Amino acid sequence: MTLEQVVTQNLRALRAQKKFSQETLAHKAGISVSYVSMLERGARTPPLATMEALAKAMGVSPLALLQKPSR
């Protein structure tokens, strides 16, 4: 699994765990809903500043977006 795929998977999973809609996450992170959708589909790769904003919006460490899920 590539790092890009890990970020995509973690973003979707964390958002669902927090019970945030894409719209809620986008508002809290200061980005557009369409951008959140693109990130979750893997159509875009977020810069570090965006990853930090997403993590802060969800109340997790930025590392939570980068770490490969343990199985």
Protein backbone atom coordinates (compact mmCIF):
# COMPACT_ATOMS: atom_id res chain seq x y z
CA MET A 1 0.00 0.00 0.00
CA THR A 2 1.41 3.40 -0.98
CA LEU A 3 1.57 6.34 1.42
CA GLU A 4 -1.04 8.09 -0.71
CA GLN A 5 -3.40 5.13 -0.27
CA VAL A 6 -2.73 5.08 3.49
CA VAL A 7 -3.64 8.77 3.79
CA THR A 8 -6.80 8.26 1.73
CA GLN A 9 -7.89 5.25 3.79
CA ASN A 10 -7.10 6.93 7.11
CA LEU A 11 -8.89 10.15 6.17
CA ARG A 12 -12.09 8.28 5.31
CA ALA A 13 -11.88 6.06 8.40
CA LEU A 14 -11.17 8.89 10.83
CA ARG A 15 -13.93 11.06 9.37
CA ALA A 16 -16.40 8.18 9.72
CA GLN A 17 -15.18 7.44 13.26
CA LYS A 18 -15.81 11.09 14.21
CA LYS A 19 -19.22 10.89 12.49
CA PHE A 20 -18.36 13.96 10.41
CA SER A 21 -19.89 14.52 7.00
CA GLN A 22 -17.53 15.67 4.28
CA GLU A 23 -19.16 19.07 4.61
CA THR A 24 -18.49 19.25 8.36
CA LEU A 25 -14.87 18.23 7.94
CA ALA A 26 -14.37 20.71 5.10
CA HIS A 27 -15.82 23.55 7.17
CA LYS A 28 -13.71 22.71 10.24
CA ALA A 29 -10.53 22.38 8.14
CA GLY A 30 -11.17 25.48 6.03
CA ILE A 31 -11.24 23.66 2.70
CA SER A 32 -13.95 22.90 0.15
CA VAL A 33 -16.23 19.87 0.25
CA SER A 34 -15.17 18.92 -3.27
CA TYR A 35 -11.52 18.94 -2.15
CA VAL A 36 -12.31 16.59 0.77
CA SER A 37 -14.07 14.31 -1.72
CA MET A 38 -11.07 14.36 -4.07
CA LEU A 39 -8.72 13.56 -1.17
CA GLU A 40 -10.86 10.64 -0.05
CA ARG A 41 -11.01 9.24 -3.59
CA GLY A 42 -7.25 9.61 -4.02
CA ALA A 43 -7.70 12.08 -6.87
CA ARG A 44 -5.54 14.64 -5.04
CA THR A 45 -2.66 14.42 -2.60
CA PRO A 46 -2.82 16.97 0.20
CA PRO A 47 0.12 19.20 1.08
CA LEU A 48 1.38 19.00 4.66
CA ALA A 49 -0.47 22.16 5.71
CA THR A 50 -3.77 20.64 4.56
CA MET A 51 -3.02 17.37 6.33
CA GLU A 52 -2.33 19.34 9.50
CA ALA A 53 -5.62 21.25 9.13
CA LEU A 54 -7.56 18.01 8.56
CA ALA A 55 -5.96 16.35 11.58
CA LYS A 56 -6.66 19.37 13.78
CA ALA A 57 -10.28 19.49 12.58
CA MET A 58 -10.72 15.85 13.60
CA GLY A 59 -8.80 16.21 16.87
CA VAL A 60 -6.07 13.74 15.97
CA SER A 61 -2.34 13.91 15.42
CA PRO A 62 -1.22 14.45 11.81
CA LEU A 63 0.63 11.18 12.26
CA ALA A 64 -2.75 9.43 12.44
CA LEU A 65 -3.21 10.22 8.75
CA LEU A 66 0.19 8.83 7.80
CA GLN A 67 0.47 5.63 9.80
CA LYS A 68 -0.37 2.38 8.09
CA PRO A 69 -3.31 0.76 9.89
CA SER A 70 -2.35 -2.32 11.88
CA ARG A 71 -4.23 -5.46 10.95
